[in-house]
Amino acid sequence: MTTDTEQSMEITTNTPVSERPDTADMSVAALRDEYKTFDLGSIPADDHDRWDRHLEVWSELESRNLVEFPECARDGCDSTRWRFSVGDPAHCAECGEPVTDAEQSSEVHSAANRLMNGEKVEA
């Protein structure tokens, strides 16, 4: 079910952040569509509104537990929340520990891809 906001508004890269709907009110499809409007390589470092909105959309998708992410390898952490920086390895959102090896990196990036694109988790 879509909300009136989603039906009346198509979000593009030019839609001001202040005019975008609350992420909690958006469907998974609408969140994914908006996330795809962010070209991370072209967002200026000082455009805090767009960076904050990018993280808000990601966090909302992540909070809906649509896919299973691997646990952080750091002893005592066990978080399954990850953050990504262009040119750097993924790192744990809780403790900052970077991925530990190629297999874990592949698992984290695969889960992120499924989160963004809606691919089903393989059993």
PDB file of N, CA and C in Angstrom:
ATOM      1  N   MET A   1       0.839  -1.187   0.000  1.00  0.00           N
ATOM      2  CA  MET A   1       0.000   0.000   0.000  1.00  0.00           C
ATOM      3  C   MET A   1       0.878   1.243   0.000  1.00  0.00           C
ATOM      4  N   THR A   2       0.580   2.172  -0.855  1.00  0.00           N
ATOM      5  CA  THR A   2       1.361   3.409  -0.899  1.00  0.00           C
ATOM      6  C   THR A   2       0.575   4.512  -0.226  1.00  0.00           C
ATOM      7  N   THR A   3       1.302   5.480   0.282  1.00  0.00           N
ATOM      8  CA  THR A   3       0.649   6.612   0.934  1.00  0.00           C
ATOM      9  C   THR A   3       0.323   7.671  -0.099  1.00  0.00           C
ATOM     10  N   ASP A   4      -0.501   8.641   0.291  1.00  0.00           N
ATOM     11  CA  ASP A   4      -0.825   9.753  -0.606  1.00  0.00           C
ATOM     12  C   ASP A   4       0.443  10.491  -1.019  1.00  0.00           C
ATOM     13  N   THR A   5       1.398  10.595  -0.088  1.00  0.00           N
ATOM     14  CA  THR A   5       2.652  11.285  -0.386  1.00  0.00           C
ATOM     15  C   THR A   5       3.389  10.586  -1.517  1.00  0.00           C
ATOM     16  N   GLU A   6       3.483   9.259  -1.456  1.00  0.00           N
ATOM     17  CA  GLU A   6       4.199   8.511  -2.482  1.00  0.00           C
ATOM     18  C   GLU A   6       3.502   8.599  -3.826  1.00  0.00           C
ATOM     19  N   GLN A   7       2.180   8.572  -3.822  1.00  0.00           N
ATOM     20  CA  GLN A   7       1.437   8.609  -5.068  1.00  0.00           C
ATOM     21  C   GLN A   7       1.586   9.950  -5.767  1.00  0.00           C
ATOM     22  N   SER A   8       1.748  11.013  -5.018  1.00  0.00           N
ATOM     23  CA  SER A   8       1.773  12.337  -5.617  1.00  0.00           C
ATOM     24  C   SER A   8       3.179  12.881  -5.855  1.00  0.00           C
ATOM     25  N   MET A   9       4.214  12.153  -5.416  1.00  0.00           N
ATOM     26  CA  MET A   9       5.555  12.701  -5.514  1.00  0.00           C
ATOM     27  C   MET A   9       6.549  11.676  -6.027  1.00  0.00           C
ATOM     28  N   GLU A  10       7.178  12.010  -7.121  1.00  0.00           N
ATOM     29  CA  GLU A  10       8.281  11.190  -7.605  1.00  0.00           C
ATOM     30  C   GLU A  10       9.557  11.913  -7.207  1.00  0.00           C
ATOM     31  N   ILE A  11      10.395  11.215  -6.468  1.00  0.00           N
ATOM     32  CA  ILE A  11      11.625  11.812  -5.975  1.00  0.00           C
ATOM     33  C   ILE A  11      12.714  11.648  -7.025  1.00  0.00           C
ATOM     34  N   THR A  12      13.349  12.751  -7.356  1.00  0.00           N
ATOM     35  CA  THR A  12      14.463  12.746  -8.299  1.00  0.00           C
ATOM     36  C   THR A  12      15.683  13.339  -7.608  1.00  0.00           C
ATOM     37  N   THR A  13      16.793  13.336  -8.299  1.00  0.00           N
ATOM     38  CA  THR A  13      18.012  13.922  -7.724  1.00  0.00           C
ATOM     39  C   THR A  13      17.839  15.411  -7.453  1.00  0.00           C
ATOM     40  N   ASN A  14      16.900  16.059  -8.139  1.00  0.00           N
ATOM     41  CA  ASN A  14      16.690  17.501  -7.966  1.00  0.00           C
ATOM     42  C   ASN A  14      15.648  17.851  -6.908  1.00  0.00           C
ATOM     43  N   THR A  15      14.972  16.851  -6.339  1.00  0.00           N
ATOM     44  CA  THR A  15      13.968  17.123  -5.311  1.00  0.00           C
ATOM     45  C   THR A  15      14.683  17.586  -4.039  1.00  0.00           C
ATOM     46  N   PRO A  16      14.362  18.803  -3.572  1.00  0.00           N
ATOM     47  CA  PRO A  16      15.013  19.275  -2.340  1.00  0.00           C
ATOM     48  C   PRO A  16      14.742  18.323  -1.171  1.00  0.00           C
ATOM     49  N   VAL A  17      15.730  18.117  -0.335  1.00  0.00           N
ATOM     50  CA  VAL A  17      15.592  17.225   0.810  1.00  0.00           C
ATOM     51  C   VAL A  17      14.418  17.654   1.685  1.00  0.00           C
ATOM     52  N   SER A  18      14.220  18.940   1.839  1.00  0.00           N
ATOM     53  CA  SER A  18      13.143  19.440   2.690  1.00  0.00           C
ATOM     54  C   SER A  18      11.753  19.080   2.171  1.00  0.00           C
ATOM     55  N   GLU A  19      11.651  18.713   0.902  1.00  0.00           N
ATOM     56  CA  GLU A  19      10.363  18.365   0.312  1.00  0.00           C
ATOM     57  C   GLU A  19      10.136  16.858   0.223  1.00  0.00           C
ATOM     58  N   ARG A  20      11.063  16.074   0.710  1.00  0.00           N
ATOM     59  CA  ARG A  20      10.929  14.623   0.648  1.00  0.00           C
ATOM     60  C   ARG A  20      10.139  14.121   1.861  1.00  0.00           C
ATOM     61  N   PRO A  21       9.378  13.033   1.689  1.00  0.00           N
ATOM     62  CA  PRO A  21       8.551  12.538   2.791  1.00  0.00           C
ATOM     63  C   PRO A  21       9.382  11.915   3.910  1.00  0.00           C
ATOM     64  N   ASP A  22       8.757  11.770   5.065  1.00  0.00           N
ATOM     65  CA  ASP A  22       9.387  11.105   6.202  1.00  0.00           C
ATOM     66  C   ASP A  22       9.659   9.656   5.806  1.00  0.00           C
ATOM     67  N   THR A  23      10.856   9.182   6.032  1.00  0.00           N
ATOM     68  CA  THR A  23      11.211   7.829   5.612  1.00  0.00           C
ATOM     69  C   THR A  23      10.349   6.763   6.284  1.00  0.00           C
ATOM     70  N   ALA A  24       9.904   6.994   7.501  1.00  0.00           N
ATOM     71  CA  ALA A  24       9.074   6.015   8.205  1.00  0.00           C
ATOM     72  C   ALA A  24       7.735   5.801   7.514  1.00  0.00           C
ATOM     73  N   ASP A  25       7.293   6.789   6.739  1.00  0.00           N
ATOM     74  CA  ASP A  25       6.017   6.705   6.036  1.00  0.00           C
ATOM     75  C   ASP A  25       6.151   6.139   4.629  1.00  0.00           C
ATOM     76  N   MET A  26       7.354   5.808   4.207  1.00  0.00           N
ATOM     77  CA  MET A  26       7.595   5.360   2.838  1.00  0.00           C
ATOM     78  C   MET A  26       7.600   3.840   2.743  1.00  0.00           C
ATOM     79  N   SER A  27       7.167   3.332   1.604  1.00  0.00           N
ATOM     80  CA  SER A  27       7.233   1.897   1.347  1.00  0.00           C
ATOM     81  C   SER A  27       8.685   1.512   1.067  1.00  0.00           C
ATOM     82  N   VAL A  28       8.958   0.223   1.116  1.00  0.00           N
ATOM     83  CA  VAL A  28      10.292  -0.273   0.797  1.00  0.00           C
ATOM     84  C   VAL A  28      10.662   0.118  -0.631  1.00  0.00           C
ATOM     85  N   ALA A  29       9.723  -0.037  -1.563  1.00  0.00           N
ATOM     86  CA  ALA A  29       9.993   0.313  -2.965  1.00  0.00           C
ATOM     87  C   ALA A  29      10.337   1.795  -3.102  1.00  0.00           C
ATOM     88  N   ALA A  30       9.619   2.653  -2.407  1.00  0.00           N
ATOM     89  CA  ALA A  30       9.885   4.093  -2.488  1.00  0.00           C
ATOM     90  C   ALA A  30      11.245   4.431  -1.873  1.00  0.00           C
ATOM     91  N   LEU A  31      11.594   3.772  -0.777  1.00  0.00           N
ATOM     92  CA  LEU A  31      12.907   3.993  -0.165  1.00  0.00           C
ATOM     93  C   LEU A  31      14.023   3.563  -1.115  1.00  0.00           C
ATOM     94  N   ARG A  32      13.851   2.408  -1.733  1.00  0.00           N
ATOM     95  CA  ARG A  32      14.867   1.933  -2.685  1.00  0.00           C
ATOM     96  C   ARG A  32      14.981   2.870  -3.871  1.00  0.00           C
ATOM     97  N   ASP A  33      13.854   3.335  -4.366  1.00  0.00           N
ATOM     98  CA  ASP A  33      13.874   4.266  -5.501  1.00  0.00           C
ATOM     99  C   ASP A  33      14.596   5.556  -5.129  1.00  0.00           C
ATOM    100  N   GLU A  34      14.310   6.074  -3.940  1.00  0.00           N
ATOM    101  CA  GLU A  34      14.994   7.301  -3.537  1.00  0.00           C
ATOM    102  C   GLU A  34      16.483   7.052  -3.338  1.00  0.00           C
ATOM    103  N   TYR A  35      16.843   5.940  -2.723  1.00  0.00           N
ATOM    104  CA  TYR A  35      18.257   5.658  -2.498  1.00  0.00           C
ATOM    105  C   TYR A  35      19.026   5.667  -3.814  1.00  0.00           C
ATOM    106  N   LYS A  36      18.403   5.174  -4.850  1.00  0.00           N
ATOM    107  CA  LYS A  36      19.051   5.120  -6.162  1.00  0.00           C
ATOM    108  C   LYS A  36      19.247   6.506  -6.779  1.00  0.00           C
ATOM    109  N   THR A  37      18.593   7.541  -6.226  1.00  0.00           N
ATOM    110  CA  THR A  37      18.789   8.901  -6.743  1.00  0.00           C
ATOM    111  C   THR A  37      20.084   9.523  -6.227  1.00  0.00           C
ATOM    112  N   PHE A  38      20.703   8.909  -5.232  1.00  0.00           N
ATOM    113  CA  PHE A  38      21.930   9.454  -4.661  1.00  0.00           C
ATOM    114  C   PHE A  38      23.138   8.933  -5.421  1.00  0.00           C
ATOM    115  N   ASP A  39      23.796   9.790  -6.152  1.00  0.00           N
ATOM    116  CA  ASP A  39      25.065   9.458  -6.810  1.00  0.00           C
ATOM    117  C   ASP A  39      26.147   9.875  -5.826  1.00  0.00           C
ATOM    118  N   LEU A  40      26.588   8.924  -5.035  1.00  0.00           N
ATOM    119  CA  LEU A  40      27.496   9.243  -3.932  1.00  0.00           C
ATOM    120  C   LEU A  40      28.771   9.928  -4.367  1.00  0.00           C
ATOM    121  N   GLY A  41      29.212   9.642  -5.581  1.00  0.00           N
ATOM    122  CA  GLY A  41      30.425  10.271  -6.074  1.00  0.00           C
ATOM    123  C   GLY A  41      30.249  11.735  -6.434  1.00  0.00           C
ATOM    124  N   SER A  42      28.995  12.171  -6.572  1.00  0.00           N
ATOM    125  CA  SER A  42      28.775  13.554  -6.987  1.00  0.00           C
ATOM    126  C   SER A  42      28.156  14.436  -5.902  1.00  0.00           C
ATOM    127  N   ILE A  43      27.886  13.882  -4.724  1.00  0.00           N
ATOM    128  CA  ILE A  43      27.355  14.718  -3.636  1.00  0.00           C
ATOM    129  C   ILE A  43      28.529  15.477  -3.020  1.00  0.00           C
ATOM    130  N   PRO A  44      28.477  16.795  -3.058  1.00  0.00           N
ATOM    131  CA  PRO A  44      29.572  17.560  -2.454  1.00  0.00           C
ATOM    132  C   PRO A  44      29.718  17.250  -0.961  1.00  0.00           C
ATOM    133  N   ALA A  45      30.927  17.198  -0.490  1.00  0.00           N
ATOM    134  CA  ALA A  45      31.195  16.858   0.915  1.00  0.00           C
ATOM    135  C   ALA A  45      30.485  17.804   1.883  1.00  0.00           C
ATOM    136  N   ASP A  46      30.264  19.049   1.459  1.00  0.00           N
ATOM    137  CA  ASP A  46      29.628  20.020   2.360  1.00  0.00           C
ATOM    138  C   ASP A  46      28.101  20.065   2.215  1.00  0.00           C
ATOM    139  N   ASP A  47      27.531  19.173   1.413  1.00  0.00           N
ATOM    140  CA  ASP A  47      26.066  19.113   1.268  1.00  0.00           C
ATOM    141  C   ASP A  47      25.517  18.175   2.346  1.00  0.00           C
ATOM    142  N   HIS A  48      25.520  18.669   3.575  1.00  0.00           N
ATOM    143  CA  HIS A  48      25.143  17.863   4.733  1.00  0.00           C
ATOM    144  C   HIS A  48      23.702  17.382   4.658  1.00  0.00           C
ATOM    145  N   ASP A  49      22.807  18.179   4.080  1.00  0.00           N
ATOM    146  CA  ASP A  49      21.411  17.757   3.978  1.00  0.00           C
ATOM    147  C   ASP A  49      21.273  16.484   3.148  1.00  0.00           C
ATOM    148  N   ARG A  50      21.940  16.443   2.003  1.00  0.00           N
ATOM    149  CA  ARG A  50      21.841  15.257   1.147  1.00  0.00           C
ATOM    150  C   ARG A  50      22.563  14.061   1.753  1.00  0.00           C
ATOM    151  N   TRP A  51      23.719  14.264   2.384  1.00  0.00           N
ATOM    152  CA  TRP A  51      24.402  13.156   3.043  1.00  0.00           C
ATOM    153  C   TRP A  51      23.554  12.617   4.196  1.00  0.00           C
ATOM    154  N   ASP A  52      22.966  13.512   4.976  1.00  0.00           N
ATOM    155  CA  ASP A  52      22.118  13.084   6.091  1.00  0.00           C
ATOM    156  C   ASP A  52      20.898  12.321   5.589  1.00  0.00           C
ATOM    157  N   ARG A  53      20.281  12.799   4.505  1.00  0.00           N
ATOM    158  CA  ARG A  53      19.111  12.127   3.947  1.00  0.00           C
ATOM    159  C   ARG A  53      19.504  10.749   3.394  1.00  0.00           C
ATOM    160  N   HIS A  54      20.639  10.680   2.733  1.00  0.00           N
ATOM    161  CA  HIS A  54      21.144   9.406   2.224  1.00  0.00           C
ATOM    162  C   HIS A  54      21.246   8.391   3.366  1.00  0.00           C
ATOM    163  N   LEU A  55      21.842   8.794   4.486  1.00  0.00           N
ATOM    164  CA  LEU A  55      21.993   7.908   5.633  1.00  0.00           C
ATOM    165  C   LEU A  55      20.632   7.590   6.259  1.00  0.00           C
ATOM    166  N   GLU A  56      19.731   8.558   6.285  1.00  0.00           N
ATOM    167  CA  GLU A  56      18.394   8.337   6.836  1.00  0.00           C
ATOM    168  C   GLU A  56      17.643   7.272   6.024  1.00  0.00           C
ATOM    169  N   VAL A  57      17.711   7.354   4.698  1.00  0.00           N
ATOM    170  CA  VAL A  57      17.046   6.368   3.836  1.00  0.00           C
ATOM    171  C   VAL A  57      17.678   4.995   4.054  1.00  0.00           C
ATOM    172  N   TRP A  58      19.015   4.922   4.053  1.00  0.00           N
ATOM    173  CA  TRP A  58      19.706   3.656   4.293  1.00  0.00           C
ATOM    174  C   TRP A  58      19.297   3.078   5.647  1.00  0.00           C
ATOM    175  N   SER A  59      19.325   3.900   6.693  1.00  0.00           N
ATOM    176  CA  SER A  59      19.012   3.428   8.041  1.00  0.00           C
ATOM    177  C   SER A  59      17.580   2.910   8.144  1.00  0.00           C
ATOM    178  N   GLU A  60      16.661   3.569   7.455  1.00  0.00           N
ATOM    179  CA  GLU A  60      15.266   3.118   7.469  1.00  0.00           C
ATOM    180  C   GLU A  60      15.144   1.752   6.791  1.00  0.00           C
ATOM    181  N   LEU A  61      15.796   1.580   5.655  1.00  0.00           N
ATOM    182  CA  LEU A  61      15.780   0.271   4.994  1.00  0.00           C
ATOM    183  C   LEU A  61      16.412  -0.795   5.893  1.00  0.00           C
ATOM    184  N   GLU A  62      17.534  -0.456   6.469  1.00  0.00           N
ATOM    185  CA  GLU A  62      18.244  -1.383   7.340  1.00  0.00           C
ATOM    186  C   GLU A  62      17.381  -1.786   8.542  1.00  0.00           C
ATOM    187  N   SER A  63      16.638  -0.843   9.096  1.00  0.00           N
ATOM    188  CA  SER A  63      15.831  -1.105  10.288  1.00  0.00           C
ATOM    189  C   SER A  63      14.647  -2.036  10.023  1.00  0.00           C
ATOM    190  N   ARG A  64      14.292  -2.201   8.765  1.00  0.00           N
ATOM    191  CA  ARG A  64      13.153  -3.055   8.435  1.00  0.00           C
ATOM    192  C   ARG A  64      13.527  -4.532   8.318  1.00  0.00           C
ATOM    193  N   ASN A  65      14.782  -4.857   8.566  1.00  0.00           N
ATOM    194  CA  ASN A  65      15.249  -6.244   8.591  1.00  0.00           C
ATOM    195  C   ASN A  65      14.845  -7.029   7.346  1.00  0.00           C
ATOM    196  N   LEU A  66      15.100  -6.455   6.193  1.00  0.00           N
ATOM    197  CA  LEU A  66      14.744  -7.083   4.920  1.00  0.00           C
ATOM    198  C   LEU A  66      15.742  -8.156   4.510  1.00  0.00           C
ATOM    199  N   VAL A  67      16.976  -8.008   4.921  1.00  0.00           N
ATOM    200  CA  VAL A  67      18.022  -8.991   4.629  1.00  0.00           C
ATOM    201  C   VAL A  67      18.848  -9.205   5.885  1.00  0.00           C
ATOM    202  N   GLU A  68      19.574 -10.309   5.876  1.00  0.00           N
ATOM    203  CA  GLU A  68      20.428 -10.627   7.013  1.00  0.00           C
ATOM    204  C   GLU A  68      21.868 -10.277   6.679  1.00  0.00           C
ATOM    205  N   PHE A  69      22.451  -9.388   7.466  1.00  0.00           N
ATOM    206  CA  PHE A  69      23.858  -9.010   7.306  1.00  0.00           C
ATOM    207  C   PHE A  69      24.709  -9.877   8.220  1.00  0.00           C
ATOM    208  N   PRO A  70      25.963 -10.134   7.842  1.00  0.00           N
ATOM    209  CA  PRO A  70      26.852 -10.893   8.729  1.00  0.00           C
ATOM    210  C   PRO A  70      27.200 -10.077   9.977  1.00  0.00           C
ATOM    211  N   GLU A  71      27.557 -10.792  11.024  1.00  0.00           N
ATOM    212  CA  GLU A  71      27.941 -10.131  12.268  1.00  0.00           C
ATOM    213  C   GLU A  71      29.356  -9.579  12.173  1.00  0.00           C
ATOM    214  N   CYS A  72      29.596  -8.524  12.926  1.00  0.00           N
ATOM    215  CA  CYS A  72      30.937  -7.967  13.075  1.00  0.00           C
ATOM    216  C   CYS A  72      31.818  -9.032  13.721  1.00  0.00           C
ATOM    217  N   ALA A  73      33.058  -9.120  13.269  1.00  0.00           N
ATOM    218  CA  ALA A  73      33.988 -10.136  13.781  1.00  0.00           C
ATOM    219  C   ALA A  73      34.657  -9.734  15.093  1.00  0.00           C
ATOM    220  N   ARG A  74      34.495  -8.499  15.500  1.00  0.00           N
ATOM    221  CA  ARG A  74      35.168  -8.046  16.731  1.00  0.00           C
ATOM    222  C   ARG A  74      34.540  -8.732  17.944  1.00  0.00           C
ATOM    223  N   ASP A  75      35.364  -9.279  18.809  1.00  0.00           N
ATOM    224  CA  ASP A  75      34.879  -9.951  20.018  1.00  0.00           C
ATOM    225  C   ASP A  75      34.012  -9.014  20.845  1.00  0.00           C
ATOM    226  N   GLY A  76      32.833  -9.481  21.191  1.00  0.00           N
ATOM    227  CA  GLY A  76      31.938  -8.719  22.039  1.00  0.00           C
ATOM    228  C   GLY A  76      31.037  -7.739  21.317  1.00  0.00           C
ATOM    229  N   CYS A  77      31.209  -7.562  20.016  1.00  0.00           N
ATOM    230  CA  CYS A  77      30.380  -6.603  19.291  1.00  0.00           C
ATOM    231  C   CYS A  77      29.146  -7.297  18.710  1.00  0.00           C
ATOM    232  N   ASP A  78      29.337  -8.170  17.754  1.00  0.00           N
ATOM    233  CA  ASP A  78      28.260  -8.947  17.128  1.00  0.00           C
ATOM    234  C   ASP A  78      27.188  -8.114  16.434  1.00  0.00           C
ATOM    235  N   SER A  79      27.456  -6.853  16.165  1.00  0.00           N
ATOM    236  CA  SER A  79      26.503  -6.013  15.434  1.00  0.00           C
ATOM    237  C   SER A  79      26.366  -6.527  14.001  1.00  0.00           C
ATOM    238  N   THR A  80      25.224  -6.293  13.416  1.00  0.00           N
ATOM    239  CA  THR A  80      25.008  -6.643  12.008  1.00  0.00           C
ATOM    240  C   THR A  80      24.730  -5.385  11.193  1.00  0.00           C
ATOM    241  N   ARG A  81      25.118  -4.237  11.718  1.00  0.00           N
ATOM    242  CA  ARG A  81      24.919  -2.970  11.022  1.00  0.00           C
ATOM    243  C   ARG A  81      26.262  -2.511  10.451  1.00  0.00           C
ATOM    244  N   TRP A  82      26.261  -2.132   9.160  1.00  0.00           N
ATOM    245  CA  TRP A  82      27.488  -1.771   8.461  1.00  0.00           C
ATOM    246  C   TRP A  82      27.358  -0.408   7.804  1.00  0.00           C
ATOM    247  N   ARG A  83      28.484   0.272   7.673  1.00  0.00           N
ATOM    248  CA  ARG A  83      28.543   1.551   6.971  1.00  0.00           C
ATOM    249  C   ARG A  83      29.599   1.440   5.885  1.00  0.00           C
ATOM    250  N   PHE A  84      29.419   2.256   4.872  1.00  0.00           N
ATOM    251  CA  PHE A  84      30.283   2.189   3.694  1.00  0.00           C
ATOM    252  C   PHE A  84      30.807   3.576   3.374  1.00  0.00           C
ATOM    253  N   SER A  85      32.065   3.657   2.981  1.00  0.00           N
ATOM    254  CA  SER A  85      32.693   4.895   2.548  1.00  0.00           C
ATOM    255  C   SER A  85      33.375   4.626   1.217  1.00  0.00           C
ATOM    256  N   VAL A  86      33.232   5.552   0.296  1.00  0.00           N
ATOM    257  CA  VAL A  86      33.842   5.382  -1.019  1.00  0.00           C
ATOM    258  C   VAL A  86      35.349   5.190  -0.859  1.00  0.00           C
ATOM    259  N   GLY A  87      35.863   4.103  -1.414  1.00  0.00           N
ATOM    260  CA  GLY A  87      37.293   3.829  -1.385  1.00  0.00           C
ATOM    261  C   GLY A  87      37.804   3.149  -0.134  1.00  0.00           C
ATOM    262  N   ASP A  88      36.950   2.946   0.865  1.00  0.00           N
ATOM    263  CA  ASP A  88      37.358   2.304   2.108  1.00  0.00           C
ATOM    264  C   ASP A  88      36.579   1.006   2.293  1.00  0.00           C
ATOM    265  N   PRO A  89      37.102   0.087   3.115  1.00  0.00           N
ATOM    266  CA  PRO A  89      36.339  -1.133   3.365  1.00  0.00           C
ATOM    267  C   PRO A  89      35.095  -0.821   4.201  1.00  0.00           C
ATOM    268  N   ALA A  90      34.077  -1.661   4.063  1.00  0.00           N
ATOM    269  CA  ALA A  90      32.901  -1.519   4.927  1.00  0.00           C
ATOM    270  C   ALA A  90      33.370  -1.628   6.370  1.00  0.00           C
ATOM    271  N   HIS A  91      32.666  -0.935   7.263  1.00  0.00           N
ATOM    272  CA  HIS A  91      33.039  -1.004   8.671  1.00  0.00           C
ATOM    273  C   HIS A  91      31.788  -1.093   9.538  1.00  0.00           C
ATOM    274  N   CYS A  92      31.929  -1.699  10.696  1.00  0.00           N
ATOM    275  CA  CYS A  92      30.819  -1.890  11.623  1.00  0.00           C
ATOM    276  C   CYS A  92      30.281  -0.533  12.069  1.00  0.00           C
ATOM    277  N   ALA A  93      28.967  -0.377  12.029  1.00  0.00           N
ATOM    278  CA  ALA A  93      28.345   0.884  12.432  1.00  0.00           C
ATOM    279  C   ALA A  93      28.415   1.093  13.943  1.00  0.00           C
ATOM    280  N   GLU A  94      28.626   0.026  14.685  1.00  0.00           N
ATOM    281  CA  GLU A  94      28.666   0.139  16.152  1.00  0.00           C
ATOM    282  C   GLU A  94      30.064   0.402  16.683  1.00  0.00           C
ATOM    283  N   CYS A  95      31.041  -0.419  16.261  1.00  0.00           N
ATOM    284  CA  CYS A  95      32.381  -0.304  16.846  1.00  0.00           C
ATOM    285  C   CYS A  95      33.433   0.245  15.882  1.00  0.00           C
ATOM    286  N   GLY A  96      33.092   0.346  14.588  1.00  0.00           N
ATOM    287  CA  GLY A  96      34.025   0.887  13.613  1.00  0.00           C
ATOM    288  C   GLY A  96      34.992  -0.129  13.025  1.00  0.00           C
ATOM    289  N   GLU A  97      34.911  -1.384  13.457  1.00  0.00           N
ATOM    290  CA  GLU A  97      35.799  -2.438  12.954  1.00  0.00           C
ATOM    291  C   GLU A  97      35.580  -2.637  11.452  1.00  0.00           C
ATOM    292  N   PRO A  98      36.657  -2.593  10.660  1.00  0.00           N
ATOM    293  CA  PRO A  98      36.491  -2.846   9.221  1.00  0.00           C
ATOM    294  C   PRO A  98      36.264  -4.339   8.970  1.00  0.00           C
ATOM    295  N   VAL A  99      35.731  -4.671   7.793  1.00  0.00           N
ATOM    296  CA  VAL A  99      35.590  -6.084   7.450  1.00  0.00           C
ATOM    297  C   VAL A  99      36.945  -6.746   7.581  1.00  0.00           C
ATOM    298  N   THR A 100      36.940  -8.007   7.946  1.00  0.00           N
ATOM    299  CA  THR A 100      38.192  -8.670   8.299  1.00  0.00           C
ATOM    300  C   THR A 100      38.860  -9.413   7.156  1.00  0.00           C
ATOM    301  N   ASP A 101      38.087  -9.836   6.158  1.00  0.00           N
ATOM    302  CA  ASP A 101      38.687 -10.600   5.066  1.00  0.00           C
ATOM    303  C   ASP A 101      37.798 -10.513   3.831  1.00  0.00           C
ATOM    304  N   ALA A 102      38.266 -11.094   2.749  1.00  0.00           N
ATOM    305  CA  ALA A 102      37.542 -11.023   1.473  1.00  0.00           C
ATOM    306  C   ALA A 102      36.170 -11.685   1.556  1.00  0.00           C
ATOM    307  N   GLU A 103      36.065 -12.798   2.275  1.00  0.00           N
ATOM    308  CA  GLU A 103      34.773 -13.489   2.387  1.00  0.00           C
ATOM    309  C   GLU A 103      33.753 -12.624   3.125  1.00  0.00           C
ATOM    310  N   GLN A 104      34.159 -12.040   4.248  1.00  0.00           N
ATOM    311  CA  GLN A 104      33.248 -11.185   4.998  1.00  0.00           C
ATOM    312  C   GLN A 104      32.874  -9.958   4.170  1.00  0.00           C
ATOM    313  N   SER A 105      33.835  -9.393   3.480  1.00  0.00           N
ATOM    314  CA  SER A 105      33.563  -8.238   2.628  1.00  0.00           C
ATOM    315  C   SER A 105      32.528  -8.591   1.573  1.00  0.00           C
ATOM    316  N   SER A 106      32.680  -9.738   0.952  1.00  0.00           N
ATOM    317  CA  SER A 106      31.737 -10.183  -0.064  1.00  0.00           C
ATOM    318  C   SER A 106      30.346 -10.367   0.535  1.00  0.00           C
ATOM    319  N   GLU A 107      30.267 -10.955   1.730  1.00  0.00           N
ATOM    320  CA  GLU A 107      28.972 -11.170   2.387  1.00  0.00           C
ATOM    321  C   GLU A 107      28.299  -9.848   2.734  1.00  0.00           C
ATOM    322  N   VAL A 108      29.060  -8.895   3.252  1.00  0.00           N
ATOM    323  CA  VAL A 108      28.501  -7.583   3.612  1.00  0.00           C
ATOM    324  C   VAL A 108      27.998  -6.864   2.360  1.00  0.00           C
ATOM    325  N   HIS A 109      28.809  -6.839   1.301  1.00  0.00           N
ATOM    326  CA  HIS A 109      28.405  -6.145   0.081  1.00  0.00           C
ATOM    327  C   HIS A 109      27.249  -6.839  -0.623  1.00  0.00           C
ATOM    328  N   SER A 110      27.209  -8.151  -0.570  1.00  0.00           N
ATOM    329  CA  SER A 110      26.102  -8.900  -1.149  1.00  0.00           C
ATOM    330  C   SER A 110      24.793  -8.581  -0.411  1.00  0.00           C
ATOM    331  N   ALA A 111      24.845  -8.536   0.909  1.00  0.00           N
ATOM    332  CA  ALA A 111      23.656  -8.199   1.700  1.00  0.00           C
ATOM    333  C   ALA A 111      23.203  -6.774   1.394  1.00  0.00           C
ATOM    334  N   ALA A 112      24.145  -5.852   1.265  1.00  0.00           N
ATOM    335  CA  ALA A 112      23.790  -4.461   0.940  1.00  0.00           C
ATOM    336  C   ALA A 112      23.142  -4.389  -0.438  1.00  0.00           C
ATOM    337  N   ASN A 113      23.648  -5.150  -1.379  1.00  0.00           N
ATOM    338  CA  ASN A 113      23.070  -5.181  -2.719  1.00  0.00           C
ATOM    339  C   ASN A 113      21.635  -5.710  -2.673  1.00  0.00           C
ATOM    340  N   ARG A 114      21.409  -6.768  -1.889  1.00  0.00           N
ATOM    341  CA  ARG A 114      20.051  -7.299  -1.752  1.00  0.00           C
ATOM    342  C   ARG A 114      19.136  -6.279  -1.084  1.00  0.00           C
ATOM    343  N   LEU A 115      19.656  -5.543  -0.114  1.00  0.00           N
ATOM    344  CA  LEU A 115      18.855  -4.529   0.568  1.00  0.00           C
ATOM    345  C   LEU A 115      18.428  -3.434  -0.408  1.00  0.00           C
ATOM    346  N   MET A 116      19.348  -3.004  -1.239  1.00  0.00           N
ATOM    347  CA  MET A 116      19.055  -1.922  -2.186  1.00  0.00           C
ATOM    348  C   MET A 116      18.229  -2.365  -3.384  1.00  0.00           C
ATOM    349  N   ASN A 117      18.382  -3.599  -3.798  1.00  0.00           N
ATOM    350  CA  ASN A 117      17.746  -4.053  -5.036  1.00  0.00           C
ATOM    351  C   ASN A 117      16.601  -5.038  -4.854  1.00  0.00           C
ATOM    352  N   GLY A 118      16.369  -5.457  -3.641  1.00  0.00           N
ATOM    353  CA  GLY A 118      15.225  -6.317  -3.385  1.00  0.00           C
ATOM    354  C   GLY A 118      15.409  -7.760  -3.742  1.00  0.00           C
ATOM    355  N   GLU A 119      16.647  -8.171  -3.949  1.00  0.00           N
ATOM    356  CA  GLU A 119      16.871  -9.570  -4.265  1.00  0.00           C
ATOM    357  C   GLU A 119      16.663 -10.405  -3.010  1.00  0.00           C
ATOM    358  N   LYS A 120      16.119 -11.576  -3.184  1.00  0.00           N
ATOM    359  CA  LYS A 120      15.837 -12.456  -2.071  1.00  0.00           C
ATOM    360  C   LYS A 120      17.126 -13.064  -1.514  1.00  0.00           C
ATOM    361  N   VAL A 121      17.109 -13.321  -0.213  1.00  0.00           N
ATOM    362  CA  VAL A 121      18.242 -13.966   0.447  1.00  0.00           C
ATOM    363  C   VAL A 121      18.205 -15.434   0.089  1.00  0.00           C
ATOM    364  N   GLU A 122      19.337 -15.979  -0.365  1.00  0.00           N
ATOM    365  CA  GLU A 122      19.398 -17.398  -0.680  1.00  0.00           C
ATOM    366  C   GLU A 122      19.518 -18.199   0.584  1.00  0.00           C
ATOM    367  N   ALA A 123      18.732 -19.279   0.666  1.00  0.00           N
ATOM    368  CA  ALA A 123      18.753 -20.120   1.871  1.00  0.00           C
ATOM    369  C   ALA A 123      19.886 -21.107   1.814  1.00  0.00           C
TER     370      ALA A 123
END
